Amino acid sequence: MIPNRFFRFVKSISQQGFTYFALGVILLIVIADKHAEALKQNKSEIKEASLETIPVAVRTKTDSLIDFAMALDGVPYKYAGASLQGFDCSGFTHFVYKEFDIPLPRASWQQYSVGVPIDREEIKKGDLLFFKGPKSETVGHVGIAITDYEDKLAFIHSSSGRDGIGITIDSLSHPHYAARFLGARRVNNL
């Protein structure tokens, strides 16, 4: 049971309470307004300071292209393939570049004429790497560089050789690829 004293206390507060309540609300509005103004000024100062002192990492179209290509790692090799059911080497590069609205011919020998030729020391992520065919001196294979020259040059491609594993990553220094390396090209849109 609640004592009568409690009810009298509540009644006296409620009579005087409205006045105190109204004053409290007004005070809270003034404090909130001052706080909002100070917060807005602090945010502005923080934003200016952070833009000057904190480097911003920017994802480039090339980074996104490499991420997309690497997400396809493990898709099987398929002769003349250009879909997620399987790729040949140029079908893979064509598919990846097409995803980023970069036109690329379907055949590796045709891709070798796109963009500008670059020296091995200038290779960057996203460049096309071309290799001689196993029994010829002409283009027979293509892949996409996933590291810059300063790093250990690696590339992603669809391989029919060795284990016939499909989309895989290899090093340009691997004897099989180093001996067949024909050149690199940079596509202008990238």
N, C-alpha and C. Protein backbone atom coordinates (compact mmCIF):
# COMPACT_ATOMS: atom_id res chain seq x y z
N MET A 1 0.84 -1.17 0.00
CA MET A 1 0.00 0.00 0.00
C MET A 1 0.88 1.24 0.00
N ILE A 2 0.52 2.23 -0.79
CA ILE A 2 1.29 3.46 -0.92
C ILE A 2 0.80 4.45 0.13
N PRO A 3 1.72 5.02 0.94
CA PRO A 3 1.30 5.96 2.00
C PRO A 3 0.72 7.24 1.41
N ASN A 4 -0.19 7.91 2.18
CA ASN A 4 -0.82 9.17 1.77
C ASN A 4 0.20 10.28 1.57
N ARG A 5 1.25 10.22 2.34
CA ARG A 5 2.30 11.21 2.23
C ARG A 5 2.84 11.30 0.80
N PHE A 6 2.98 10.18 0.16
CA PHE A 6 3.48 10.11 -1.22
C PHE A 6 2.55 10.87 -2.16
N PHE A 7 1.23 10.66 -2.01
CA PHE A 7 0.26 11.34 -2.88
C PHE A 7 0.29 12.86 -2.67
N ARG A 8 0.41 13.30 -1.39
CA ARG A 8 0.50 14.75 -1.12
C ARG A 8 1.76 15.34 -1.74
N PHE A 9 2.86 14.59 -1.67
CA PHE A 9 4.12 15.05 -2.25
C PHE A 9 4.00 15.21 -3.76
N VAL A 10 3.41 14.23 -4.41
CA VAL A 10 3.22 14.26 -5.86
C VAL A 10 2.32 15.43 -6.24
N LYS A 11 1.25 15.68 -5.45
CA LYS A 11 0.31 16.77 -5.75
C LYS A 11 1.01 18.13 -5.63
N SER A 12 1.83 18.30 -4.62
CA SER A 12 2.52 19.60 -4.45
C SER A 12 3.54 19.82 -5.57
N ILE A 13 4.20 18.77 -5.97
CA ILE A 13 5.16 18.90 -7.08
C ILE A 13 4.43 19.22 -8.36
N SER A 14 3.30 18.59 -8.58
CA SER A 14 2.59 18.82 -9.83
C SER A 14 2.06 20.24 -9.93
N GLN A 15 1.69 20.86 -8.80
CA GLN A 15 1.21 22.25 -8.84
C GLN A 15 2.36 23.21 -9.14
N GLN A 16 3.48 23.00 -8.46
CA GLN A 16 4.64 23.84 -8.71
C GLN A 16 5.45 23.31 -9.88
N GLY A 17 5.25 22.05 -10.14
CA GLY A 17 6.05 21.36 -11.15
C GLY A 17 5.91 21.91 -12.55
N PHE A 18 4.71 22.35 -12.89
CA PHE A 18 4.53 22.85 -14.26
C PHE A 18 5.43 24.05 -14.52
N THR A 19 5.53 24.92 -13.52
CA THR A 19 6.40 26.10 -13.66
C THR A 19 7.85 25.66 -13.82
N TYR A 20 8.27 24.74 -12.95
CA TYR A 20 9.65 24.26 -13.04
C TYR A 20 9.88 23.49 -14.36
N PHE A 21 8.90 22.75 -14.76
CA PHE A 21 9.00 21.99 -16.01
C PHE A 21 9.20 22.93 -17.19
N ALA A 22 8.38 23.98 -17.27
CA ALA A 22 8.48 24.94 -18.37
C ALA A 22 9.85 25.61 -18.37
N LEU A 23 10.32 26.01 -17.20
CA LEU A 23 11.65 26.63 -17.11
C LEU A 23 12.74 25.64 -17.53
N GLY A 24 12.57 24.40 -17.12
CA GLY A 24 13.54 23.36 -17.49
C GLY A 24 13.60 23.14 -18.99
N VAL A 25 12.45 23.11 -19.65
CA VAL A 25 12.40 22.92 -21.10
C VAL A 25 13.09 24.08 -21.81
N ILE A 26 12.81 25.30 -21.38
CA ILE A 26 13.43 26.48 -21.99
C ILE A 26 14.95 26.41 -21.81
N LEU A 27 15.37 26.07 -20.60
CA LEU A 27 16.81 25.96 -20.33
C LEU A 27 17.45 24.88 -21.22
N LEU A 28 16.80 23.75 -21.36
CA LEU A 28 17.32 22.68 -22.22
C LEU A 28 17.42 23.11 -23.68
N ILE A 29 16.45 23.87 -24.16
CA ILE A 29 16.48 24.35 -25.55
C ILE A 29 17.68 25.28 -25.75
N VAL A 30 17.91 26.18 -24.81
CA VAL A 30 19.04 27.11 -24.91
C VAL A 30 20.36 26.34 -24.88
N ILE A 31 20.48 25.39 -23.96
CA ILE A 31 21.71 24.60 -23.85
C ILE A 31 21.92 23.77 -25.12
N ALA A 32 20.88 23.14 -25.63
CA ALA A 32 21.00 22.33 -26.84
C ALA A 32 21.42 23.18 -28.03
N ASP A 33 20.86 24.38 -28.14
CA ASP A 33 21.21 25.28 -29.24
C ASP A 33 22.69 25.66 -29.17
N LYS A 34 23.16 26.03 -27.97
CA LYS A 34 24.57 26.38 -27.79
C LYS A 34 25.47 25.18 -28.09
N HIS A 35 25.05 24.02 -27.63
CA HIS A 35 25.83 22.79 -27.87
C HIS A 35 25.90 22.47 -29.36
N ALA A 36 24.79 22.60 -30.06
CA ALA A 36 24.75 22.33 -31.50
C ALA A 36 25.67 23.28 -32.27
N GLU A 37 25.65 24.55 -31.86
CA GLU A 37 26.51 25.54 -32.52
C GLU A 37 27.99 25.21 -32.29
N ALA A 38 28.34 24.86 -31.05
CA ALA A 38 29.72 24.50 -30.74
C ALA A 38 30.14 23.23 -31.47
N LEU A 39 29.25 22.25 -31.53
CA LEU A 39 29.53 21.00 -32.22
C LEU A 39 29.75 21.23 -33.71
N LYS A 40 28.93 22.07 -34.30
CA LYS A 40 29.07 22.40 -35.73
C LYS A 40 30.44 23.03 -35.99
N GLN A 41 30.86 23.94 -35.13
CA GLN A 41 32.16 24.60 -35.30
C GLN A 41 33.28 23.59 -35.11
N ASN A 42 33.18 22.71 -34.12
CA ASN A 42 34.20 21.70 -33.89
C ASN A 42 34.31 20.74 -35.06
N LYS A 43 33.16 20.32 -35.61
CA LYS A 43 33.18 19.42 -36.76
C LYS A 43 33.89 20.06 -37.93
N SER A 44 33.63 21.32 -38.16
CA SER A 44 34.27 22.06 -39.24
C SER A 44 35.77 22.09 -39.05
N GLU A 45 36.21 22.39 -37.81
CA GLU A 45 37.64 22.43 -37.52
C GLU A 45 38.27 21.05 -37.65
N ILE A 46 37.59 20.02 -37.17
CA ILE A 46 38.10 18.65 -37.27
C ILE A 46 38.22 18.24 -38.73
N LYS A 47 37.19 18.54 -39.52
CA LYS A 47 37.21 18.17 -40.94
C LYS A 47 38.38 18.84 -41.65
N GLU A 48 38.60 20.14 -41.40
CA GLU A 48 39.70 20.84 -42.02
C GLU A 48 41.04 20.23 -41.61
N ALA A 49 41.18 19.92 -40.33
CA ALA A 49 42.43 19.34 -39.84
C ALA A 49 42.66 17.97 -40.43
N SER A 50 41.61 17.15 -40.51
CA SER A 50 41.80 15.80 -41.02
C SER A 50 42.11 15.79 -42.50
N LEU A 51 41.54 16.72 -43.25
CA LEU A 51 41.84 16.78 -44.67
C LEU A 51 43.29 17.18 -44.91
N GLU A 52 43.86 17.95 -44.00
CA GLU A 52 45.23 18.39 -44.15
C GLU A 52 46.24 17.37 -43.63
N THR A 53 45.88 16.58 -42.64
CA THR A 53 46.86 15.72 -41.98
C THR A 53 46.70 14.23 -42.22
N ILE A 54 45.53 13.79 -42.61
CA ILE A 54 45.31 12.35 -42.76
C ILE A 54 45.27 12.00 -44.24
N PRO A 55 46.20 11.15 -44.70
CA PRO A 55 46.16 10.76 -46.11
C PRO A 55 44.93 9.90 -46.39
N VAL A 56 44.34 10.11 -47.52
CA VAL A 56 43.13 9.39 -47.90
C VAL A 56 43.49 8.33 -48.94
N ALA A 57 43.15 7.08 -48.66
CA ALA A 57 43.37 6.01 -49.63
C ALA A 57 42.24 6.04 -50.64
N VAL A 58 42.60 6.09 -51.89
CA VAL A 58 41.60 6.15 -52.94
C VAL A 58 41.65 4.85 -53.74
N ARG A 59 40.51 4.20 -53.85
CA ARG A 59 40.42 2.99 -54.67
C ARG A 59 40.28 3.43 -56.11
N THR A 60 41.14 2.92 -56.94
CA THR A 60 41.11 3.29 -58.35
C THR A 60 40.33 2.26 -59.14
N LYS A 61 40.03 2.60 -60.38
CA LYS A 61 39.37 1.67 -61.28
C LYS A 61 40.24 0.43 -61.46
N THR A 62 41.57 0.63 -61.50
CA THR A 62 42.49 -0.49 -61.63
C THR A 62 42.40 -1.43 -60.44
N ASP A 63 42.34 -0.86 -59.22
CA ASP A 63 42.20 -1.70 -58.02
C ASP A 63 40.93 -2.54 -58.09
N SER A 64 39.85 -1.91 -58.50
CA SER A 64 38.58 -2.63 -58.61
C SER A 64 38.66 -3.72 -59.68
N LEU A 65 39.31 -3.43 -60.78
CA LEU A 65 39.47 -4.42 -61.86
C LEU A 65 40.26 -5.63 -61.34
N ILE A 66 41.34 -5.37 -60.62
CA ILE A 66 42.16 -6.46 -60.07
C ILE A 66 41.35 -7.27 -59.06
N ASP A 67 40.63 -6.61 -58.19
CA ASP A 67 39.79 -7.32 -57.21
C ASP A 67 38.78 -8.22 -57.92
N PHE A 68 38.16 -7.69 -58.97
CA PHE A 68 37.18 -8.48 -59.73
C PHE A 68 37.85 -9.69 -60.37
N ALA A 69 39.00 -9.47 -61.01
CA ALA A 69 39.71 -10.58 -61.65
C ALA A 69 40.09 -11.64 -60.63
N MET A 70 40.57 -11.21 -59.47
CA MET A 70 41.00 -12.17 -58.45
C MET A 70 39.82 -12.92 -57.84
N ALA A 71 38.65 -12.32 -57.88
CA ALA A 71 37.46 -13.02 -57.38
C ALA A 71 37.11 -14.21 -58.28
N LEU A 72 37.63 -14.21 -59.49
CA LEU A 72 37.36 -15.30 -60.43
C LEU A 72 38.39 -16.43 -60.33
N ASP A 73 39.35 -16.27 -59.43
CA ASP A 73 40.38 -17.30 -59.22
C ASP A 73 39.71 -18.64 -58.97
N GLY A 74 40.13 -19.65 -59.72
CA GLY A 74 39.57 -20.99 -59.55
C GLY A 74 38.52 -21.37 -60.57
N VAL A 75 38.00 -20.41 -61.36
CA VAL A 75 37.06 -20.76 -62.43
C VAL A 75 37.84 -21.64 -63.42
N PRO A 76 37.27 -22.73 -63.90
CA PRO A 76 38.03 -23.67 -64.72
C PRO A 76 38.41 -23.13 -66.10
N TYR A 77 39.43 -23.76 -66.68
CA TYR A 77 39.82 -23.45 -68.06
C TYR A 77 38.81 -24.11 -69.00
N LYS A 78 38.46 -23.39 -70.06
CA LYS A 78 37.60 -23.96 -71.09
C LYS A 78 38.04 -23.39 -72.42
N TYR A 79 38.37 -24.25 -73.34
CA TYR A 79 38.81 -23.80 -74.66
C TYR A 79 37.73 -22.91 -75.28
N ALA A 80 38.13 -21.73 -75.75
CA ALA A 80 37.24 -20.73 -76.35
C ALA A 80 36.19 -20.21 -75.36
N GLY A 81 36.42 -20.44 -74.07
CA GLY A 81 35.45 -20.01 -73.06
C GLY A 81 35.59 -18.54 -72.71
N ALA A 82 34.45 -17.91 -72.46
CA ALA A 82 34.45 -16.49 -72.07
C ALA A 82 33.31 -16.22 -71.10
N SER A 83 33.07 -17.17 -70.19
CA SER A 83 31.99 -17.01 -69.22
C SER A 83 32.39 -17.66 -67.91
N LEU A 84 31.55 -17.54 -66.92
CA LEU A 84 31.83 -18.10 -65.61
C LEU A 84 31.86 -19.64 -65.61
N GLN A 85 31.39 -20.25 -66.69
CA GLN A 85 31.48 -21.71 -66.81
C GLN A 85 32.91 -22.14 -67.16
N GLY A 86 33.70 -21.20 -67.67
CA GLY A 86 35.10 -21.49 -68.00
C GLY A 86 35.65 -20.45 -68.97
N PHE A 87 36.96 -20.19 -68.85
CA PHE A 87 37.62 -19.19 -69.68
C PHE A 87 38.85 -19.77 -70.35
N ASP A 88 39.12 -19.29 -71.57
CA ASP A 88 40.48 -19.40 -72.08
C ASP A 88 41.16 -18.09 -71.70
N CYS A 89 42.44 -17.93 -72.05
CA CYS A 89 43.17 -16.76 -71.54
C CYS A 89 42.59 -15.43 -72.02
N SER A 90 42.33 -15.32 -73.31
CA SER A 90 41.81 -14.04 -73.83
C SER A 90 40.33 -13.86 -73.50
N GLY A 91 39.60 -14.94 -73.33
CA GLY A 91 38.21 -14.84 -72.89
C GLY A 91 38.14 -14.25 -71.49
N PHE A 92 39.11 -14.63 -70.66
CA PHE A 92 39.19 -14.09 -69.30
C PHE A 92 39.49 -12.59 -69.31
N THR A 93 40.53 -12.17 -70.03
CA THR A 93 40.87 -10.74 -70.06
C THR A 93 39.75 -9.92 -70.69
N HIS A 94 39.14 -10.46 -71.74
CA HIS A 94 38.01 -9.79 -72.39
C HIS A 94 36.85 -9.61 -71.40
N PHE A 95 36.53 -10.66 -70.66
CA PHE A 95 35.44 -10.65 -69.69
C PHE A 95 35.69 -9.63 -68.59
N VAL A 96 36.89 -9.62 -68.04
CA VAL A 96 37.23 -8.72 -66.93
C VAL A 96 37.18 -7.26 -67.39
N TYR A 97 37.82 -6.96 -68.50
CA TYR A 97 37.84 -5.58 -68.99
C TYR A 97 36.44 -5.12 -69.38
N LYS A 98 35.67 -6.01 -69.95
CA LYS A 98 34.30 -5.66 -70.36
C LYS A 98 33.46 -5.27 -69.14
N GLU A 99 33.69 -5.91 -68.02
CA GLU A 99 32.97 -5.60 -66.79
C GLU A 99 33.18 -4.14 -66.37
N PHE A 100 34.29 -3.56 -66.81
CA PHE A 100 34.62 -2.16 -66.47
C PHE A 100 34.49 -1.24 -67.68
N ASP A 101 33.67 -1.67 -68.63
CA ASP A 101 33.37 -0.89 -69.84
C ASP A 101 34.62 -0.51 -70.63
N ILE A 102 35.57 -1.42 -70.65
CA ILE A 102 36.79 -1.20 -71.43
C ILE A 102 36.75 -2.19 -72.60
N PRO A 103 36.58 -1.67 -73.81
CA PRO A 103 36.49 -2.58 -74.96
C PRO A 103 37.83 -3.25 -75.23
N LEU A 104 37.77 -4.54 -75.42
CA LEU A 104 38.96 -5.34 -75.70
C LEU A 104 38.55 -6.42 -76.70
N PRO A 105 39.32 -6.60 -77.76
CA PRO A 105 38.97 -7.68 -78.71
C PRO A 105 38.98 -9.04 -78.00
N ARG A 106 38.41 -10.01 -78.63
CA ARG A 106 38.26 -11.33 -78.00
C ARG A 106 39.54 -12.17 -78.04
N ALA A 107 40.32 -12.11 -79.12
CA ALA A 107 41.51 -12.97 -79.27
C ALA A 107 42.77 -12.29 -78.72
N SER A 108 43.67 -13.09 -78.17
CA SER A 108 44.90 -12.54 -77.57
C SER A 108 45.74 -11.79 -78.60
N TRP A 109 45.84 -12.32 -79.81
CA TRP A 109 46.65 -11.63 -80.82
C TRP A 109 46.04 -10.29 -81.20
N GLN A 110 44.71 -10.17 -81.11
CA GLN A 110 44.06 -8.88 -81.36
C GLN A 110 44.26 -7.93 -80.17
N GLN A 111 44.22 -8.47 -78.97
CA GLN A 111 44.42 -7.66 -77.77
C GLN A 111 45.83 -7.06 -77.76
N TYR A 112 46.77 -7.75 -78.40
CA TYR A 112 48.17 -7.29 -78.44
C TYR A 112 48.32 -5.98 -79.21
N SER A 113 47.31 -5.61 -79.97
CA SER A 113 47.38 -4.36 -80.75
C SER A 113 46.63 -3.22 -80.06
N VAL A 114 46.04 -3.47 -78.91
CA VAL A 114 45.27 -2.46 -78.19
C VAL A 114 46.17 -1.74 -77.18
N GLY A 115 45.91 -0.46 -76.97
CA GLY A 115 46.67 0.30 -75.99
C GLY A 115 48.06 0.64 -76.48
N VAL A 116 48.94 0.91 -75.53
CA VAL A 116 50.32 1.28 -75.88
C VAL A 116 51.29 0.27 -75.30
N PRO A 117 52.35 -0.05 -76.07
CA PRO A 117 53.35 -0.97 -75.54
C PRO A 117 54.13 -0.30 -74.41
N ILE A 118 54.49 -1.08 -73.41
CA ILE A 118 55.27 -0.55 -72.29
C ILE A 118 56.42 -1.50 -71.99
N ASP A 119 57.51 -0.92 -71.47
CA ASP A 119 58.66 -1.73 -71.08
C ASP A 119 58.34 -2.51 -69.81
N ARG A 120 59.06 -3.59 -69.63
CA ARG A 120 58.86 -4.45 -68.45
C ARG A 120 58.98 -3.65 -67.15
N GLU A 121 59.92 -2.71 -67.10
CA GLU A 121 60.13 -1.91 -65.90
C GLU A 121 58.98 -0.95 -65.63
N GLU A 122 58.10 -0.73 -66.59
CA GLU A 122 56.98 0.20 -66.43
C GLU A 122 55.66 -0.50 -66.13
N ILE A 123 55.68 -1.82 -66.03
CA ILE A 123 54.45 -2.58 -65.81
C ILE A 123 53.79 -2.17 -64.50
N LYS A 124 52.48 -1.96 -64.58
CA LYS A 124 51.66 -1.62 -63.41
C LYS A 124 50.46 -2.55 -63.36
N LYS A 125 49.83 -2.58 -62.18
CA LYS A 125 48.62 -3.38 -62.03
C LYS A 125 47.63 -3.02 -63.14
N GLY A 126 47.01 -4.04 -63.71
CA GLY A 126 46.00 -3.83 -64.74
C GLY A 126 46.53 -3.90 -66.15
N ASP A 127 47.86 -3.85 -66.33
CA ASP A 127 48.43 -3.96 -67.67
C ASP A 127 48.25 -5.38 -68.20
N LEU A 128 48.14 -5.49 -69.51
CA LEU A 128 48.04 -6.80 -70.14
C LEU A 128 49.45 -7.32 -70.41
N LEU A 129 49.69 -8.58 -70.06
CA LEU A 129 50.99 -9.23 -70.30
C LEU A 129 50.79 -10.30 -71.36
N PHE A 130 51.68 -10.30 -72.35
CA PHE A 130 51.54 -11.23 -73.47
C PHE A 130 52.73 -12.18 -73.54
N PHE A 131 52.42 -13.40 -73.97
CA PHE A 131 53.42 -14.45 -74.04
C PHE A 131 53.34 -15.14 -75.40
N LYS A 132 54.50 -15.66 -75.83
CA LYS A 132 54.54 -16.44 -77.07
C LYS A 132 53.80 -17.75 -76.84
N GLY A 133 53.30 -18.29 -77.95
CA GLY A 133 52.71 -19.61 -77.87
C GLY A 133 53.81 -20.63 -77.59
N PRO A 134 53.47 -21.80 -77.10
CA PRO A 134 54.49 -22.78 -76.75
C PRO A 134 55.34 -23.22 -77.95
N LYS A 135 54.76 -23.15 -79.15
CA LYS A 135 55.50 -23.62 -80.33
C LYS A 135 55.58 -22.54 -81.40
N SER A 136 55.48 -21.26 -80.99
CA SER A 136 55.53 -20.20 -82.00
C SER A 136 56.20 -18.96 -81.42
N GLU A 137 56.43 -18.01 -82.27
CA GLU A 137 57.01 -16.73 -81.86
C GLU A 137 55.96 -15.64 -81.80
N THR A 138 54.70 -15.99 -82.02
CA THR A 138 53.62 -15.00 -82.00
C THR A 138 52.81 -15.12 -80.71
N VAL A 139 51.94 -14.17 -80.48
CA VAL A 139 51.13 -14.16 -79.26
C VAL A 139 50.32 -15.44 -79.16
N GLY A 140 50.42 -16.05 -77.98
CA GLY A 140 49.67 -17.26 -77.74
C GLY A 140 49.01 -17.29 -76.37
N HIS A 141 49.31 -16.26 -75.56
CA HIS A 141 48.75 -16.25 -74.20
C HIS A 141 48.74 -14.82 -73.68
N VAL A 142 47.76 -14.52 -72.78
CA VAL A 142 47.64 -13.19 -72.19
C VAL A 142 47.17 -13.31 -70.75
N GLY A 143 47.61 -12.36 -69.93
CA GLY A 143 47.18 -12.29 -68.54
C GLY A 143 47.14 -10.83 -68.11
N ILE A 144 46.74 -10.60 -66.87
CA ILE A 144 46.62 -9.25 -66.32
C ILE A 144 47.58 -9.11 -65.13
N ALA A 145 48.44 -8.08 -65.19
CA ALA A 145 49.37 -7.82 -64.08
C ALA A 145 48.57 -7.45 -62.83
N ILE A 146 48.92 -8.07 -61.71
CA ILE A 146 48.23 -7.74 -60.45
C ILE A 146 49.16 -7.05 -59.46
N THR A 147 50.43 -6.88 -59.85
CA THR A 147 51.39 -6.12 -59.03
C THR A 147 52.14 -5.17 -59.97
N ASP A 148 52.76 -4.16 -59.37
CA ASP A 148 53.60 -3.24 -60.13
C ASP A 148 54.99 -3.84 -60.29
N TYR A 149 55.78 -3.23 -61.17
CA TYR A 149 57.13 -3.74 -61.44
C TYR A 149 57.98 -3.77 -60.18
N GLU A 150 57.83 -2.76 -59.31
CA GLU A 150 58.66 -2.69 -58.10
C GLU A 150 58.45 -3.92 -57.22
N ASP A 151 57.25 -4.46 -57.23
CA ASP A 151 56.96 -5.68 -56.48
C ASP A 151 57.39 -6.87 -57.35
N LYS A 152 57.35 -8.04 -56.79
CA LYS A 152 57.60 -9.23 -57.60
C LYS A 152 56.44 -9.33 -58.59
N LEU A 153 56.72 -9.24 -59.88
CA LEU A 153 55.65 -9.20 -60.88
C LEU A 153 54.82 -10.48 -60.85
N ALA A 154 53.54 -10.29 -60.62
CA ALA A 154 52.61 -11.41 -60.62
C ALA A 154 51.47 -11.06 -61.56
N PHE A 155 50.84 -12.08 -62.09
CA PHE A 155 49.72 -11.85 -62.99
C PHE A 155 48.67 -12.94 -62.81
N ILE A 156 47.46 -12.60 -63.20
CA ILE A 156 46.35 -13.55 -63.13
C ILE A 156 45.95 -13.87 -64.57
N HIS A 157 45.64 -15.14 -64.81
CA HIS A 157 45.33 -15.59 -66.17
C HIS A 157 44.58 -16.91 -66.12
N SER A 158 44.10 -17.33 -67.28
CA SER A 158 43.47 -18.64 -67.37
C SER A 158 44.45 -19.57 -68.05
N SER A 159 44.89 -20.57 -67.30
CA SER A 159 45.93 -21.47 -67.78
C SER A 159 45.36 -22.82 -68.19
N SER A 160 45.80 -23.26 -69.35
CA SER A 160 45.41 -24.61 -69.80
C SER A 160 46.53 -25.60 -69.52
N GLY A 161 47.71 -25.10 -69.20
CA GLY A 161 48.88 -25.94 -69.01
C GLY A 161 48.98 -26.53 -67.63
N ARG A 162 50.10 -27.15 -67.41
CA ARG A 162 50.41 -27.81 -66.14
C ARG A 162 49.24 -28.64 -65.64
N ASP A 163 48.45 -28.10 -64.74
CA ASP A 163 47.34 -28.86 -64.18
C ASP A 163 46.01 -28.53 -64.85
N GLY A 164 46.03 -27.63 -65.85
CA GLY A 164 44.80 -27.22 -66.50
C GLY A 164 43.80 -26.63 -65.51
N ILE A 165 44.29 -25.81 -64.61
CA ILE A 165 43.47 -25.37 -63.49
C ILE A 165 42.56 -24.19 -63.78
N GLY A 166 42.75 -23.48 -64.87
CA GLY A 166 41.89 -22.33 -65.14
C GLY A 166 42.47 -21.05 -64.58
N ILE A 167 41.62 -20.22 -63.98
CA ILE A 167 42.07 -18.92 -63.47
C ILE A 167 43.02 -19.17 -62.30
N THR A 168 44.21 -18.61 -62.44
CA THR A 168 45.25 -18.80 -61.44
C THR A 168 46.20 -17.61 -61.43
N ILE A 169 47.04 -17.56 -60.43
CA ILE A 169 48.02 -16.48 -60.31
C ILE A 169 49.41 -17.09 -60.42
N ASP A 170 50.25 -16.44 -61.23
CA ASP A 170 51.63 -16.89 -61.41
C ASP A 170 52.57 -15.71 -61.34
N SER A 171 53.84 -16.02 -61.21
CA SER A 171 54.89 -15.01 -61.20
C SER A 171 55.48 -14.89 -62.60
N LEU A 172 55.78 -13.67 -63.00
CA LEU A 172 56.42 -13.47 -64.30
C LEU A 172 57.84 -14.01 -64.29
N SER A 173 58.40 -14.21 -63.10
CA SER A 173 59.76 -14.75 -63.01
C SER A 173 59.77 -16.29 -63.10
N HIS A 174 58.62 -16.94 -63.11
CA HIS A 174 58.57 -18.39 -63.27
C HIS A 174 59.21 -18.73 -64.62
N PRO A 175 60.12 -19.70 -64.67
CA PRO A 175 60.84 -20.00 -65.92
C PRO A 175 59.92 -20.22 -67.14
N HIS A 176 58.79 -20.85 -66.92
CA HIS A 176 57.86 -21.12 -68.03
C HIS A 176 57.38 -19.81 -68.66
N TYR A 177 57.07 -18.82 -67.84
CA TYR A 177 56.55 -17.55 -68.35
C TYR A 177 57.65 -16.56 -68.70
N ALA A 178 58.75 -16.56 -67.94
CA ALA A 178 59.86 -15.65 -68.23
C ALA A 178 60.42 -15.91 -69.62
N ALA A 179 60.53 -17.19 -70.02
CA ALA A 179 61.09 -17.54 -71.33
C ALA A 179 60.14 -17.17 -72.47
N ARG A 180 58.86 -17.11 -72.21
CA ARG A 180 57.88 -16.85 -73.26
C ARG A 180 57.36 -15.41 -73.27
N PHE A 181 57.79 -14.59 -72.31
CA PHE A 181 57.27 -13.22 -72.21
C PHE A 181 57.56 -12.46 -73.49
N LEU A 182 56.51 -11.88 -74.06
CA LEU A 182 56.61 -11.18 -75.34
C LEU A 182 56.55 -9.67 -75.15
N GLY A 183 55.72 -9.20 -74.21
CA GLY A 183 55.60 -7.77 -73.98
C GLY A 183 54.37 -7.44 -73.16
N ALA A 184 54.22 -6.15 -72.86
CA ALA A 184 53.09 -5.68 -72.06
C ALA A 184 52.47 -4.48 -72.74
N ARG A 185 51.18 -4.30 -72.51
CA ARG A 185 50.46 -3.16 -73.09
C ARG A 185 49.56 -2.55 -72.03
N ARG A 186 49.44 -1.24 -72.07
CA ARG A 186 48.57 -0.51 -71.16
C ARG A 186 47.40 0.01 -71.96
N VAL A 187 46.21 -0.34 -71.51
CA VAL A 187 44.99 0.10 -72.18
C VAL A 187 44.68 1.50 -71.66
N ASN A 188 44.44 2.43 -72.57
CA ASN A 188 44.28 3.86 -72.24
C ASN A 188 43.19 4.13 -71.23
N ASN A 189 42.10 3.42 -71.26
CA ASN A 189 40.96 3.70 -70.39
C ASN A 189 41.21 3.32 -68.94
N LEU A 190 42.33 2.72 -68.64
CA LEU A 190 42.56 2.19 -67.30
C LEU A 190 43.45 3.08 -66.48
